C-alpha cells in the first residue's frame, strides 16, 4: 500500500481514482502523518438486494389502498 502526500494526491487525483478502480489502496498523508485512505468501493452488501425486494413487495401490496382519509383533509388539518 503506497503513501502519498496531500498536495501530490490533489495533483494526481484522477490517477489515484483510476488506481482505486483497479483495486489498489493509497494512504494520503499530511506532514508525513496518515490522514485518509483511498480505497475501492465495495459491492453492495448481500442483504441489500433482499431489503430492496421486501420494500418493493410492500409497495406493490399497498398499491391502491388508502388510509381512509382524503388528502385534502390531511392537508387542511390544523389550518385556521
N, C-alpha and C. Protein backbone atom coordinates (compact mmCIF):
# COMPACT_ATOMS: atom_id res chain seq x y z
N UNK A 1 0.86 -1.16 0.00
CA UNK A 1 0.00 0.00 0.00
C UNK A 1 0.91 1.23 0.00
N UNK A 2 0.68 2.11 -0.94
CA UNK A 2 1.53 3.29 -1.11
C UNK A 2 1.01 4.45 -0.28
N UNK A 3 1.91 5.30 0.20
CA UNK A 3 1.56 6.55 0.87
C UNK A 3 1.91 7.70 -0.06
N UNK A 4 1.07 8.73 -0.05
CA UNK A 4 1.28 9.88 -0.91
C UNK A 4 0.89 11.14 -0.15
N UNK A 5 1.63 12.21 -0.34
CA UNK A 5 1.34 13.47 0.32
C UNK A 5 0.07 14.11 -0.22
N UNK A 6 -0.56 14.92 0.59
CA UNK A 6 -1.83 15.54 0.21
C UNK A 6 -1.70 16.39 -1.04
N UNK A 7 -0.67 17.21 -1.14
CA UNK A 7 -0.50 18.06 -2.32
C UNK A 7 -0.39 17.22 -3.58
N UNK A 8 0.43 16.17 -3.51
CA UNK A 8 0.59 15.30 -4.67
C UNK A 8 -0.71 14.56 -4.98
N UNK A 9 -1.45 14.17 -3.96
CA UNK A 9 -2.73 13.49 -4.17
C UNK A 9 -3.70 14.40 -4.90
N UNK A 10 -3.73 15.69 -4.52
CA UNK A 10 -4.61 16.63 -5.21
C UNK A 10 -4.19 16.79 -6.67
N UNK A 11 -2.90 16.81 -6.89
CA UNK A 11 -2.38 16.99 -8.24
C UNK A 11 -2.68 15.79 -9.13
N UNK A 12 -2.71 14.60 -8.56
CA UNK A 12 -2.89 13.37 -9.34
C UNK A 12 -4.15 12.62 -8.95
N UNK A 13 -5.20 13.34 -8.57
CA UNK A 13 -6.42 12.67 -8.08
C UNK A 13 -7.02 11.72 -9.11
N UNK A 14 -7.09 12.12 -10.37
CA UNK A 14 -7.68 11.24 -11.39
C UNK A 14 -6.93 9.92 -11.48
N UNK A 15 -5.60 10.00 -11.44
CA UNK A 15 -4.79 8.79 -11.49
C UNK A 15 -5.03 7.91 -10.26
N UNK A 16 -5.15 8.55 -9.08
CA UNK A 16 -5.39 7.78 -7.86
C UNK A 16 -6.75 7.11 -7.88
N UNK A 17 -7.75 7.79 -8.42
CA UNK A 17 -9.09 7.18 -8.52
C UNK A 17 -9.04 6.00 -9.48
N UNK A 18 -8.33 6.13 -10.58
CA UNK A 18 -8.19 5.02 -11.52
C UNK A 18 -7.53 3.82 -10.84
N UNK A 19 -6.52 4.09 -10.02
CA UNK A 19 -5.85 3.00 -9.31
C UNK A 19 -6.82 2.34 -8.33
N UNK A 20 -7.65 3.13 -7.66
CA UNK A 20 -8.64 2.56 -6.74
C UNK A 20 -9.63 1.69 -7.50
N UNK A 21 -10.00 2.12 -8.70
CA UNK A 21 -10.90 1.30 -9.52
C UNK A 21 -10.28 -0.06 -9.86
N UNK A 22 -8.97 -0.09 -9.93
CA UNK A 22 -8.26 -1.34 -10.20
C UNK A 22 -8.03 -2.16 -8.94
N UNK A 23 -8.47 -1.64 -7.78
CA UNK A 23 -8.38 -2.40 -6.54
C UNK A 23 -7.26 -1.98 -5.61
N UNK A 24 -6.49 -0.97 -5.98
CA UNK A 24 -5.38 -0.52 -5.13
C UNK A 24 -5.88 0.38 -4.01
N UNK A 25 -5.13 0.43 -2.93
CA UNK A 25 -5.42 1.33 -1.82
C UNK A 25 -4.24 2.28 -1.65
N UNK A 26 -4.53 3.54 -1.33
CA UNK A 26 -3.49 4.55 -1.16
C UNK A 26 -3.75 5.31 0.14
N UNK A 27 -2.71 5.47 0.93
CA UNK A 27 -2.79 6.27 2.15
C UNK A 27 -2.40 7.71 1.79
N UNK A 28 -3.20 8.67 2.19
CA UNK A 28 -2.89 10.08 1.97
C UNK A 28 -2.39 10.66 3.28
N UNK A 29 -1.23 11.36 3.19
CA UNK A 29 -0.60 11.89 4.39
C UNK A 29 -0.57 13.41 4.36
N UNK A 30 -0.52 13.99 5.53
CA UNK A 30 -0.29 15.43 5.69
C UNK A 30 0.84 15.56 6.70
N UNK A 31 1.92 16.20 6.30
CA UNK A 31 3.10 16.34 7.14
C UNK A 31 3.59 14.96 7.62
N UNK A 32 3.58 14.01 6.68
CA UNK A 32 4.06 12.63 6.92
C UNK A 32 3.22 11.85 7.93
N UNK A 33 2.01 12.31 8.22
CA UNK A 33 1.11 11.58 9.11
C UNK A 33 -0.10 11.11 8.30
N UNK A 34 -0.47 9.85 8.39
CA UNK A 34 -1.63 9.36 7.64
C UNK A 34 -2.91 10.07 8.09
N UNK A 35 -3.67 10.56 7.11
CA UNK A 35 -4.93 11.25 7.43
C UNK A 35 -6.13 10.66 6.70
N UNK A 36 -5.90 9.93 5.61
CA UNK A 36 -7.02 9.36 4.86
C UNK A 36 -6.53 8.15 4.06
N UNK A 37 -7.49 7.33 3.66
CA UNK A 37 -7.17 6.18 2.82
C UNK A 37 -8.13 6.16 1.65
N UNK A 38 -7.59 6.08 0.45
CA UNK A 38 -8.39 5.96 -0.77
C UNK A 38 -8.49 4.47 -1.09
N UNK A 39 -9.71 3.95 -1.07
CA UNK A 39 -9.92 2.52 -1.27
C UNK A 39 -10.98 2.30 -2.34
N UNK A 40 -10.99 1.14 -2.98
CA UNK A 40 -12.04 0.85 -3.96
C UNK A 40 -13.39 0.68 -3.28
N UNK A 41 -14.44 1.04 -3.98
CA UNK A 41 -15.80 0.83 -3.46
C UNK A 41 -16.07 -0.66 -3.43
N UNK A 42 -16.76 -1.09 -2.39
CA UNK A 42 -17.13 -2.49 -2.28
C UNK A 42 -18.52 -2.67 -2.89
N UNK A 43 -18.77 -3.86 -3.34
CA UNK A 43 -20.09 -4.18 -3.89
C UNK A 43 -21.13 -4.05 -2.78
N UNK A 44 -22.39 -3.93 -3.18
CA UNK A 44 -23.46 -3.83 -2.20
C UNK A 44 -23.42 -5.02 -1.25
N UNK A 45 -23.88 -4.77 -0.04
CA UNK A 45 -23.97 -5.86 0.92
C UNK A 45 -24.95 -6.90 0.39
N UNK A 46 -24.71 -8.17 0.63
CA UNK A 46 -25.58 -9.22 0.08
C UNK A 46 -27.04 -9.06 0.47
N UNK A 47 -27.30 -8.54 1.67
CA UNK A 47 -28.69 -8.43 2.09
C UNK A 47 -29.36 -7.17 1.52
N UNK A 48 -28.63 -6.31 0.81
CA UNK A 48 -29.22 -5.12 0.23
C UNK A 48 -30.28 -5.51 -0.81
N UNK A 49 -30.00 -6.52 -1.61
CA UNK A 49 -30.96 -6.97 -2.61
C UNK A 49 -32.22 -7.52 -1.95
N UNK A 50 -32.06 -8.22 -0.84
CA UNK A 50 -33.21 -8.77 -0.12
C UNK A 50 -34.06 -7.64 0.46
N UNK A 51 -33.40 -6.60 1.01
CA UNK A 51 -34.14 -5.46 1.56
C UNK A 51 -34.89 -4.73 0.45
N UNK A 52 -34.23 -4.55 -0.68
CA UNK A 52 -34.87 -3.87 -1.81
C UNK A 52 -36.09 -4.66 -2.28
N UNK A 53 -35.97 -5.98 -2.36
CA UNK A 53 -37.09 -6.82 -2.79
C UNK A 53 -38.24 -6.75 -1.80
N UNK A 54 -37.95 -6.69 -0.49
CA UNK A 54 -39.00 -6.60 0.52
C UNK A 54 -39.74 -5.28 0.42
N UNK A 55 -39.02 -4.19 0.22
CA UNK A 55 -39.66 -2.89 0.09
C UNK A 55 -40.53 -2.85 -1.17
N UNK A 56 -40.02 -3.40 -2.25
CA UNK A 56 -40.80 -3.44 -3.49
C UNK A 56 -42.07 -4.25 -3.30
N UNK A 57 -42.00 -5.38 -2.59
CA UNK A 57 -43.18 -6.20 -2.34
C UNK A 57 -44.19 -5.46 -1.48
N UNK A 58 -43.72 -4.74 -0.47
CA UNK A 58 -44.64 -3.96 0.38
C UNK A 58 -45.34 -2.86 -0.41
N UNK A 59 -44.59 -2.16 -1.24
CA UNK A 59 -45.18 -1.10 -2.06
C UNK A 59 -46.19 -1.67 -3.04
N UNK A 60 -45.86 -2.82 -3.61
CA UNK A 60 -46.78 -3.46 -4.55
C UNK A 60 -48.06 -3.89 -3.84
N UNK A 61 -47.93 -4.44 -2.64
CA UNK A 61 -49.10 -4.89 -1.88
C UNK A 61 -49.97 -3.72 -1.44
N UNK A 62 -49.36 -2.56 -1.21
CA UNK A 62 -50.11 -1.39 -0.74
C UNK A 62 -50.72 -0.58 -1.87
N UNK A 63 -50.40 -0.92 -3.10
CA UNK A 63 -50.91 -0.15 -4.25
C UNK A 63 -52.43 -0.14 -4.24
N UNK A 64 -52.98 1.04 -4.38
CA UNK A 64 -54.43 1.19 -4.44
C UNK A 64 -55.11 1.31 -3.10
N UNK A 65 -54.43 1.07 -2.02
CA UNK A 65 -55.02 1.19 -0.69
C UNK A 65 -54.94 2.62 -0.21
N UNK A 66 -55.88 3.02 0.62
CA UNK A 66 -55.88 4.37 1.18
C UNK A 66 -55.91 4.29 2.70
N UNK A 67 -55.67 5.42 3.31
CA UNK A 67 -55.70 5.49 4.76
C UNK A 67 -57.09 5.80 5.29
N UNK A 68 -58.06 5.91 4.40
CA UNK A 68 -59.42 6.21 4.82
C UNK A 68 -59.65 7.70 5.04
N UNK A 69 -58.67 8.51 4.67
CA UNK A 69 -58.82 9.96 4.78
C UNK A 69 -58.50 10.58 3.43
N UNK A 70 -59.19 11.65 3.15
CA UNK A 70 -58.94 12.37 1.91
C UNK A 70 -57.66 13.19 2.05
N UNK A 71 -56.86 13.28 1.02
CA UNK A 71 -55.61 14.04 1.11
C UNK A 71 -55.86 15.50 1.39
N UNK A 72 -57.01 16.02 0.94
CA UNK A 72 -57.33 17.43 1.22
C UNK A 72 -57.56 17.65 2.71
N UNK A 73 -58.19 16.67 3.35
CA UNK A 73 -58.44 16.78 4.80
C UNK A 73 -57.11 16.74 5.55
N UNK A 74 -56.20 15.89 5.11
CA UNK A 74 -54.89 15.84 5.75
C UNK A 74 -54.13 17.16 5.55
N UNK A 75 -54.24 17.72 4.34
CA UNK A 75 -53.56 18.97 4.04
C UNK A 75 -54.12 20.12 4.89
N UNK A 76 -55.44 20.16 5.02
CA UNK A 76 -56.07 21.29 5.69
C UNK A 76 -56.13 21.13 7.20
N UNK A 77 -55.77 19.97 7.72
CA UNK A 77 -55.83 19.73 9.15
C UNK A 77 -54.93 20.74 9.89
N UNK A 78 -55.47 21.41 10.85
CA UNK A 78 -54.72 22.36 11.64
C UNK A 78 -54.67 23.76 11.04
N UNK A 79 -55.31 23.97 9.88
CA UNK A 79 -55.34 25.31 9.30
C UNK A 79 -56.52 26.08 9.85
N UNK A 80 -56.35 27.39 10.07
CA UNK A 80 -57.47 28.18 10.60
C UNK A 80 -58.58 28.39 9.59
